[in-house]
């Protein structure tokens, strides 16, 4: 509780000292990006970026499934002896 009140008081003093006119331009750009990623549209955050994010996600999932399948095949071949 002490840390919270201390940090809030510091923020208030810093805001009062700088004023509204001295807020950096980048602050508003960051806020716009944050609002985009925090929209409640049902998508997970890693798919909210663009089409490139969706493609990278699908490639990653496909490669993971190929790897899991390869490991399953390897385990099967090692555990079941070949019939001669």
PDB file of N, CA and C in Angstrom:
ATOM      1  N   UNK A   1       0.830  -1.194   0.000  1.00  0.00           N
ATOM      2  CA  UNK A   1       0.000   0.000   0.000  1.00  0.00           C
ATOM      3  C   UNK A   1       0.866   1.247   0.000  1.00  0.00           C
ATOM      4  N   UNK A   2       2.002   1.189   0.703  1.00  0.00           N
ATOM      5  CA  UNK A   2       2.886   2.349   0.767  1.00  0.00           C
ATOM      6  C   UNK A   2       3.514   2.611  -0.593  1.00  0.00           C
ATOM      7  N   UNK A   3       3.924   1.560  -1.277  1.00  0.00           N
ATOM      8  CA  UNK A   3       4.551   1.718  -2.586  1.00  0.00           C
ATOM      9  C   UNK A   3       3.562   2.303  -3.578  1.00  0.00           C
ATOM     10  N   UNK A   4       2.329   1.835  -3.539  1.00  0.00           N
ATOM     11  CA  UNK A   4       1.305   2.325  -4.466  1.00  0.00           C
ATOM     12  C   UNK A   4       1.052   3.813  -4.261  1.00  0.00           C
ATOM     13  N   UNK A   5       0.895   4.246  -3.024  1.00  0.00           N
ATOM     14  CA  UNK A   5       0.625   5.662  -2.786  1.00  0.00           C
ATOM     15  C   UNK A   5       1.845   6.510  -3.147  1.00  0.00           C
ATOM     16  N   UNK A   6       3.028   5.977  -2.923  1.00  0.00           N
ATOM     17  CA  UNK A   6       4.237   6.718  -3.272  1.00  0.00           C
ATOM     18  C   UNK A   6       4.349   6.906  -4.783  1.00  0.00           C
ATOM     19  N   UNK A   7       4.118   5.838  -5.547  1.00  0.00           N
ATOM     20  CA  UNK A   7       4.235   5.944  -7.000  1.00  0.00           C
ATOM     21  C   UNK A   7       3.139   6.825  -7.579  1.00  0.00           C
ATOM     22  N   UNK A   8       1.941   6.784  -7.014  1.00  0.00           N
ATOM     23  CA  UNK A   8       0.852   7.634  -7.495  1.00  0.00           C
ATOM     24  C   UNK A   8       1.168   9.096  -7.233  1.00  0.00           C
ATOM     25  N   UNK A   9       1.697   9.395  -6.065  1.00  0.00           N
ATOM     26  CA  UNK A   9       2.036  10.780  -5.739  1.00  0.00           C
ATOM     27  C   UNK A   9       3.125  11.300  -6.667  1.00  0.00           C
ATOM     28  N   UNK A  10       4.099  10.469  -6.972  1.00  0.00           N
ATOM     29  CA  UNK A  10       5.171  10.878  -7.878  1.00  0.00           C
ATOM     30  C   UNK A  10       4.620  11.157  -9.265  1.00  0.00           C
ATOM     31  N   UNK A  11       3.709  10.324  -9.733  1.00  0.00           N
ATOM     32  CA  UNK A  11       3.110  10.523 -11.050  1.00  0.00           C
ATOM     33  C   UNK A  11       2.327  11.820 -11.092  1.00  0.00           C
ATOM     34  N   UNK A  12       1.581  12.098 -10.049  1.00  0.00           N
ATOM     35  CA  UNK A  12       0.800  13.337 -10.011  1.00  0.00           C
ATOM     36  C   UNK A  12       1.704  14.554 -10.032  1.00  0.00           C
ATOM     37  N   UNK A  13       2.800  14.500  -9.275  1.00  0.00           N
ATOM     38  CA  UNK A  13       3.728  15.632  -9.265  1.00  0.00           C
ATOM     39  C   UNK A  13       4.372  15.819 -10.633  1.00  0.00           C
ATOM     40  N   UNK A  14       4.752  14.721 -11.273  1.00  0.00           N
ATOM     41  CA  UNK A  14       5.395  14.814 -12.585  1.00  0.00           C
ATOM     42  C   UNK A  14       4.424  15.373 -13.615  1.00  0.00           C
ATOM     43  N   UNK A  15       3.166  14.967 -13.555  1.00  0.00           N
ATOM     44  CA  UNK A  15       2.171  15.469 -14.499  1.00  0.00           C
ATOM     45  C   UNK A  15       1.901  16.944 -14.253  1.00  0.00           C
ATOM     46  N   UNK A  16       1.818  17.325 -12.996  1.00  0.00           N
ATOM     47  CA  UNK A  16       1.554  18.726 -12.678  1.00  0.00           C
ATOM     48  C   UNK A  16       2.730  19.606 -13.095  1.00  0.00           C
ATOM     49  N   UNK A  17       3.945  19.087 -12.984  1.00  0.00           N
ATOM     50  CA  UNK A  17       5.121  19.885 -13.325  1.00  0.00           C
ATOM     51  C   UNK A  17       5.268  20.064 -14.834  1.00  0.00           C
ATOM     52  N   UNK A  18       4.967  19.029 -15.619  1.00  0.00           N
ATOM     53  CA  UNK A  18       5.158  19.130 -17.064  1.00  0.00           C
ATOM     54  C   UNK A  18       3.973  19.774 -17.751  1.00  0.00           C
ATOM     55  N   UNK A  19       2.789  19.522 -17.277  1.00  0.00           N
ATOM     56  CA  UNK A  19       1.609  20.086 -17.915  1.00  0.00           C
ATOM     57  C   UNK A  19       1.188  19.251 -19.109  1.00  0.00           C
ATOM     58  N   UNK A  20       0.011  19.531 -19.641  1.00  0.00           N
ATOM     59  CA  UNK A  20      -0.524  18.775 -20.775  1.00  0.00           C
ATOM     60  C   UNK A  20       0.172  19.129 -22.082  1.00  0.00           C
ATOM     61  N   UNK A  21       0.734  20.308 -22.184  1.00  0.00           N
ATOM     62  CA  UNK A  21       1.328  20.753 -23.441  1.00  0.00           C
ATOM     63  C   UNK A  21       2.643  20.051 -23.758  1.00  0.00           C
ATOM     64  N   UNK A  22       3.284  19.456 -22.771  1.00  0.00           N
ATOM     65  CA  UNK A  22       4.612  18.898 -23.001  1.00  0.00           C
ATOM     66  C   UNK A  22       4.609  17.373 -23.121  1.00  0.00           C
ATOM     67  N   UNK A  23       3.466  16.784 -23.423  1.00  0.00           N
ATOM     68  CA  UNK A  23       3.414  15.334 -23.622  1.00  0.00           C
ATOM     69  C   UNK A  23       4.017  15.020 -24.985  1.00  0.00           C
ATOM     70  N   UNK A  24       4.885  14.032 -25.006  1.00  0.00           N
ATOM     71  CA  UNK A  24       5.570  13.660 -26.241  1.00  0.00           C
ATOM     72  C   UNK A  24       4.577  13.155 -27.284  1.00  0.00           C
ATOM     73  N   UNK A  25       4.896  13.362 -28.552  1.00  0.00           N
ATOM     74  CA  UNK A  25       4.047  12.899 -29.648  1.00  0.00           C
ATOM     75  C   UNK A  25       3.979  11.368 -29.673  1.00  0.00           C
ATOM     76  N   UNK A  26       5.076  10.721 -29.362  1.00  0.00           N
ATOM     77  CA  UNK A  26       5.128   9.268 -29.369  1.00  0.00           C
ATOM     78  C   UNK A  26       4.177   8.628 -28.375  1.00  0.00           C
ATOM     79  N   UNK A  27       3.840   9.356 -27.318  1.00  0.00           N
ATOM     80  CA  UNK A  27       2.915   8.839 -26.312  1.00  0.00           C
ATOM     81  C   UNK A  27       1.568   8.514 -26.946  1.00  0.00           C
ATOM     82  N   UNK A  28       1.072   9.402 -27.788  1.00  0.00           N
ATOM     83  CA  UNK A  28      -0.234   9.191 -28.410  1.00  0.00           C
ATOM     84  C   UNK A  28      -0.184   8.055 -29.432  1.00  0.00           C
ATOM     85  N   UNK A  29       0.948   7.888 -30.102  1.00  0.00           N
ATOM     86  CA  UNK A  29       1.104   6.772 -31.041  1.00  0.00           C
ATOM     87  C   UNK A  29       1.092   5.441 -30.290  1.00  0.00           C
ATOM     88  N   UNK A  30       1.773   5.406 -29.161  1.00  0.00           N
ATOM     89  CA  UNK A  30       1.797   4.188 -28.351  1.00  0.00           C
ATOM     90  C   UNK A  30       0.403   3.879 -27.824  1.00  0.00           C
ATOM     91  N   UNK A  31      -0.317   4.902 -27.394  1.00  0.00           N
ATOM     92  CA  UNK A  31      -1.680   4.700 -26.900  1.00  0.00           C
ATOM     93  C   UNK A  31      -2.583   4.126 -27.995  1.00  0.00           C
ATOM     94  N   UNK A  32      -2.399   4.607 -29.243  1.00  0.00           N
ATOM     95  CA  UNK A  32      -3.211   4.111 -30.353  1.00  0.00           C
ATOM     96  C   UNK A  32      -2.921   2.625 -30.607  1.00  0.00           C
ATOM     97  N   UNK A  33      -1.652   2.252 -30.565  1.00  0.00           N
ATOM     98  CA  UNK A  33      -1.275   0.850 -30.770  1.00  0.00           C
ATOM     99  C   UNK A  33      -1.811  -0.011 -29.622  1.00  0.00           C
ATOM    100  N   UNK A  34      -1.717   0.491 -28.387  1.00  0.00           N
ATOM    101  CA  UNK A  34      -2.243  -0.252 -27.245  1.00  0.00           C
ATOM    102  C   UNK A  34      -3.745  -0.473 -27.375  1.00  0.00           C
ATOM    103  N   UNK A  35      -4.467   0.548 -27.797  1.00  0.00           N
ATOM    104  CA  UNK A  35      -5.912   0.412 -27.966  1.00  0.00           C
ATOM    105  C   UNK A  35      -6.235  -0.641 -29.027  1.00  0.00           C
ATOM    106  N   UNK A  36      -5.430  -0.676 -30.096  1.00  0.00           N
ATOM    107  CA  UNK A  36      -5.645  -1.680 -31.150  1.00  0.00           C
ATOM    108  C   UNK A  36      -5.492  -3.094 -30.596  1.00  0.00           C
ATOM    109  N   UNK A  37      -4.443  -3.320 -29.804  1.00  0.00           N
ATOM    110  CA  UNK A  37      -4.179  -4.660 -29.295  1.00  0.00           C
ATOM    111  C   UNK A  37      -5.078  -5.034 -28.126  1.00  0.00           C
ATOM    112  N   UNK A  38      -5.723  -4.065 -27.475  1.00  0.00           N
ATOM    113  CA  UNK A  38      -6.580  -4.355 -26.329  1.00  0.00           C
ATOM    114  C   UNK A  38      -8.059  -4.408 -26.689  1.00  0.00           C
ATOM    115  N   UNK A  39      -8.395  -4.297 -27.982  1.00  0.00           N
ATOM    116  CA  UNK A  39      -9.793  -4.397 -28.401  1.00  0.00           C
ATOM    117  C   UNK A  39     -10.353  -5.762 -28.031  1.00  0.00           C
ATOM    118  N   UNK A  40     -11.597  -5.790 -27.630  1.00  0.00           N
ATOM    119  CA  UNK A  40     -12.263  -7.049 -27.272  1.00  0.00           C
ATOM    120  C   UNK A  40     -12.945  -7.606 -28.515  1.00  0.00           C
ATOM    121  N   UNK A  41     -12.166  -8.229 -29.401  1.00  0.00           N
ATOM    122  CA  UNK A  41     -12.733  -8.791 -30.624  1.00  0.00           C
ATOM    123  C   UNK A  41     -12.627 -10.314 -30.670  1.00  0.00           C
ATOM    124  N   UNK A  42     -12.184 -10.920 -29.585  1.00  0.00           N
ATOM    125  CA  UNK A  42     -12.123 -12.373 -29.512  1.00  0.00           C
ATOM    126  C   UNK A  42     -10.853 -12.989 -30.067  1.00  0.00           C
ATOM    127  N   UNK A  43      -9.996 -12.196 -30.693  1.00  0.00           N
ATOM    128  CA  UNK A  43      -8.740 -12.722 -31.232  1.00  0.00           C
ATOM    129  C   UNK A  43      -7.677 -12.719 -30.139  1.00  0.00           C
ATOM    130  N   UNK A  44      -6.780 -13.711 -30.158  1.00  0.00           N
ATOM    131  CA  UNK A  44      -5.642 -13.645 -29.244  1.00  0.00           C
ATOM    132  C   UNK A  44      -4.689 -12.533 -29.674  1.00  0.00           C
ATOM    133  N   UNK A  45      -3.929 -12.018 -28.736  1.00  0.00           N
ATOM    134  CA  UNK A  45      -3.107 -10.839 -29.004  1.00  0.00           C
ATOM    135  C   UNK A  45      -2.062 -11.104 -30.089  1.00  0.00           C
ATOM    136  N   UNK A  46      -1.588 -12.342 -30.217  1.00  0.00           N
ATOM    137  CA  UNK A  46      -0.553 -12.619 -31.210  1.00  0.00           C
ATOM    138  C   UNK A  46      -1.096 -12.688 -32.625  1.00  0.00           C
ATOM    139  N   UNK A  47      -2.417 -12.588 -32.809  1.00  0.00           N
ATOM    140  CA  UNK A  47      -2.995 -12.566 -34.151  1.00  0.00           C
ATOM    141  C   UNK A  47      -3.607 -11.214 -34.499  1.00  0.00           C
ATOM    142  N   UNK A  48      -3.488 -10.226 -33.631  1.00  0.00           N
ATOM    143  CA  UNK A  48      -4.105  -8.926 -33.874  1.00  0.00           C
ATOM    144  C   UNK A  48      -3.248  -8.005 -34.730  1.00  0.00           C
ATOM    145  N   UNK A  49      -1.997  -8.354 -34.974  1.00  0.00           N
ATOM    146  CA  UNK A  49      -1.087  -7.468 -35.687  1.00  0.00           C
ATOM    147  C   UNK A  49      -1.457  -7.255 -37.137  1.00  0.00           C
ATOM    148  N   UNK A  50      -1.229  -8.247 -37.969  1.00  0.00           N
ATOM    149  CA  UNK A  50      -1.499  -8.116 -39.401  1.00  0.00           C
ATOM    150  C   UNK A  50      -1.576  -9.514 -40.005  1.00  0.00           C
ATOM    151  N   UNK A  51      -1.674  -9.561 -41.331  1.00  0.00           N
ATOM    152  CA  UNK A  51      -1.712 -10.847 -42.031  1.00  0.00           C
ATOM    153  C   UNK A  51      -0.387 -11.585 -41.866  1.00  0.00           C
ATOM    154  N   UNK A  52       0.702 -10.850 -41.753  1.00  0.00           N
ATOM    155  CA  UNK A  52       2.017 -11.476 -41.577  1.00  0.00           C
ATOM    156  C   UNK A  52       2.039 -12.270 -40.272  1.00  0.00           C
ATOM    157  N   UNK A  53       1.446 -11.714 -39.211  1.00  0.00           N
ATOM    158  CA  UNK A  53       1.398 -12.429 -37.936  1.00  0.00           C
ATOM    159  C   UNK A  53       0.618 -13.729 -38.071  1.00  0.00           C
ATOM    160  N   UNK A  54      -0.474 -13.687 -38.805  1.00  0.00           N
ATOM    161  CA  UNK A  54      -1.283 -14.884 -39.005  1.00  0.00           C
ATOM    162  C   UNK A  54      -0.507 -15.949 -39.777  1.00  0.00           C
ATOM    163  N   UNK A  55       0.208 -15.533 -40.817  1.00  0.00           N
ATOM    164  CA  UNK A  55       1.003 -16.479 -41.615  1.00  0.00           C
ATOM    165  C   UNK A  55       2.121 -17.079 -40.767  1.00  0.00           C
ATOM    166  N   UNK A  56       2.822 -16.248 -40.003  1.00  0.00           N
ATOM    167  CA  UNK A  56       3.895 -16.756 -39.152  1.00  0.00           C
ATOM    168  C   UNK A  56       3.357 -17.732 -38.110  1.00  0.00           C
ATOM    169  N   UNK A  57       2.196 -17.436 -37.559  1.00  0.00           N
ATOM    170  CA  UNK A  57       1.580 -18.329 -36.575  1.00  0.00           C
ATOM    171  C   UNK A  57       1.263 -19.679 -37.206  1.00  0.00           C
ATOM    172  N   UNK A  58       0.674 -19.652 -38.400  1.00  0.00           N
ATOM    173  CA  UNK A  58       0.299 -20.911 -39.059  1.00  0.00           C
ATOM    174  C   UNK A  58       1.522 -21.726 -39.460  1.00  0.00           C
ATOM    175  N   UNK A  59       2.564 -21.054 -39.939  1.00  0.00           N
ATOM    176  CA  UNK A  59       3.807 -21.763 -40.280  1.00  0.00           C
ATOM    177  C   UNK A  59       4.405 -22.401 -39.033  1.00  0.00           C
ATOM    178  N   UNK A  60       4.409 -21.657 -37.935  1.00  0.00           N
ATOM    179  CA  UNK A  60       4.952 -22.183 -36.684  1.00  0.00           C
ATOM    180  C   UNK A  60       4.172 -23.405 -36.217  1.00  0.00           C
ATOM    181  N   UNK A  61       2.846 -23.321 -36.271  1.00  0.00           N
ATOM    182  CA  UNK A  61       2.023 -24.463 -35.853  1.00  0.00           C
ATOM    183  C   UNK A  61       2.239 -25.662 -36.775  1.00  0.00           C
ATOM    184  N   UNK A  62       2.353 -25.432 -38.079  1.00  0.00           N
ATOM    185  CA  UNK A  62       2.585 -26.528 -39.027  1.00  0.00           C
ATOM    186  C   UNK A  62       3.927 -27.203 -38.749  1.00  0.00           C
ATOM    187  N   UNK A  63       4.968 -26.414 -38.538  1.00  0.00           N
ATOM    188  CA  UNK A  63       6.279 -26.989 -38.249  1.00  0.00           C
ATOM    189  C   UNK A  63       6.279 -27.743 -36.921  1.00  0.00           C
ATOM    190  N   UNK A  64       5.552 -27.224 -35.946  1.00  0.00           N
ATOM    191  CA  UNK A  64       5.460 -27.922 -34.662  1.00  0.00           C
ATOM    192  C   UNK A  64       4.769 -29.271 -34.836  1.00  0.00           C
ATOM    193  N   UNK A  65       3.700 -29.301 -35.627  1.00  0.00           N
ATOM    194  CA  UNK A  65       2.999 -30.567 -35.863  1.00  0.00           C
ATOM    195  C   UNK A  65       3.866 -31.555 -36.638  1.00  0.00           C
ATOM    196  N   UNK A  66       4.628 -31.062 -37.611  1.00  0.00           N
ATOM    197  CA  UNK A  66       5.547 -31.933 -38.351  1.00  0.00           C
ATOM    198  C   UNK A  66       6.590 -32.510 -37.394  1.00  0.00           C
ATOM    199  N   UNK A  67       7.107 -31.685 -36.505  1.00  0.00           N
ATOM    200  CA  UNK A  67       8.087 -32.159 -35.530  1.00  0.00           C
ATOM    201  C   UNK A  67       7.514 -33.196 -34.588  1.00  0.00           C
ATOM    202  N   UNK A  68       6.291 -32.956 -34.117  1.00  0.00           N
ATOM    203  CA  UNK A  68       5.644 -33.925 -33.227  1.00  0.00           C
ATOM    204  C   UNK A  68       5.384 -35.233 -33.973  1.00  0.00           C
ATOM    205  N   UNK A  69       4.944 -35.135 -35.218  1.00  0.00           N
ATOM    206  CA  UNK A  69       4.729 -36.338 -36.029  1.00  0.00           C
ATOM    207  C   UNK A  69       6.023 -37.099 -36.254  1.00  0.00           C
ATOM    208  N   UNK A  70       7.101 -36.382 -36.526  1.00  0.00           N
ATOM    209  CA  UNK A  70       8.399 -37.028 -36.719  1.00  0.00           C
ATOM    210  C   UNK A  70       8.876 -37.738 -35.466  1.00  0.00           C
ATOM    211  N   UNK A  71       8.652 -37.119 -34.317  1.00  0.00           N
ATOM    212  CA  UNK A  71       9.042 -37.768 -33.065  1.00  0.00           C
ATOM    213  C   UNK A  71       8.192 -39.014 -32.814  1.00  0.00           C
ATOM    214  N   UNK A  72       6.897 -38.927 -33.133  1.00  0.00           N
ATOM    215  CA  UNK A  72       6.032 -40.105 -32.987  1.00  0.00           C
ATOM    216  C   UNK A  72       6.501 -41.246 -33.868  1.00  0.00           C
ATOM    217  N   UNK A  73       6.873 -40.928 -35.107  1.00  0.00           N
ATOM    218  CA  UNK A  73       7.381 -41.946 -36.042  1.00  0.00           C
ATOM    219  C   UNK A  73       8.677 -42.555 -35.512  1.00  0.00           C
ATOM    220  N   UNK A  74       9.566 -41.707 -35.016  1.00  0.00           N
ATOM    221  CA  UNK A  74      10.832 -42.191 -34.465  1.00  0.00           C
ATOM    222  C   UNK A  74      10.590 -43.118 -33.283  1.00  0.00           C
ATOM    223  N   UNK A  75       9.722 -42.717 -32.368  1.00  0.00           N
ATOM    224  CA  UNK A  75       9.433 -43.563 -31.204  1.00  0.00           C
ATOM    225  C   UNK A  75       8.821 -44.893 -31.636  1.00  0.00           C
ATOM    226  N   UNK A  76       7.950 -44.856 -32.624  1.00  0.00           N
ATOM    227  CA  UNK A  76       7.329 -46.094 -33.119  1.00  0.00           C
ATOM    228  C   UNK A  76       8.388 -47.019 -33.715  1.00  0.00           C
ATOM    229  N   UNK A  77       9.273 -46.455 -34.548  1.00  0.00           N
ATOM    230  CA  UNK A  77      10.313 -47.274 -35.179  1.00  0.00           C
ATOM    231  C   UNK A  77      11.277 -47.853 -34.148  1.00  0.00           C
ATOM    232  N   UNK A  78      11.568 -47.103 -33.106  1.00  0.00           N
ATOM    233  CA  UNK A  78      12.495 -47.597 -32.092  1.00  0.00           C
ATOM    234  C   UNK A  78      11.846 -48.611 -31.151  1.00  0.00           C
ATOM    235  N   UNK A  79      10.552 -48.508 -30.945  1.00  0.00           N
ATOM    236  CA  UNK A  79       9.899 -49.398 -29.977  1.00  0.00           C
ATOM    237  C   UNK A  79       9.367 -50.683 -30.606  1.00  0.00           C
ATOM    238  N   UNK A  80       9.062 -50.674 -31.900  1.00  0.00           N
ATOM    239  CA  UNK A  80       8.548 -51.869 -32.569  1.00  0.00           C
ATOM    240  C   UNK A  80       9.663 -52.426 -33.449  1.00  0.00           C
ATOM    241  N   UNK A  81      10.168 -53.606 -33.107  1.00  0.00           N
ATOM    242  CA  UNK A  81      11.273 -54.158 -33.912  1.00  0.00           C
ATOM    243  C   UNK A  81      10.794 -54.556 -35.309  1.00  0.00           C
ATOM    244  N   UNK A  82      11.709 -54.475 -36.264  1.00  0.00           N
ATOM    245  CA  UNK A  82      11.388 -54.866 -37.640  1.00  0.00           C
ATOM    246  C   UNK A  82      11.259 -56.380 -37.719  1.00  0.00           C
ATOM    247  N   UNK A  83      10.281 -56.826 -38.470  1.00  0.00           N
ATOM    248  CA  UNK A  83      10.090 -58.269 -38.648  1.00  0.00           C
ATOM    249  C   UNK A  83      10.954 -58.720 -39.821  1.00  0.00           C
ATOM    250  N   UNK A  84      11.778 -59.718 -39.561  1.00  0.00           N
ATOM    251  CA  UNK A  84      12.674 -60.192 -40.622  1.00  0.00           C
ATOM    252  C   UNK A  84      12.311 -61.556 -41.100  1.00  0.00           C
TER     253      UNK A  84
END
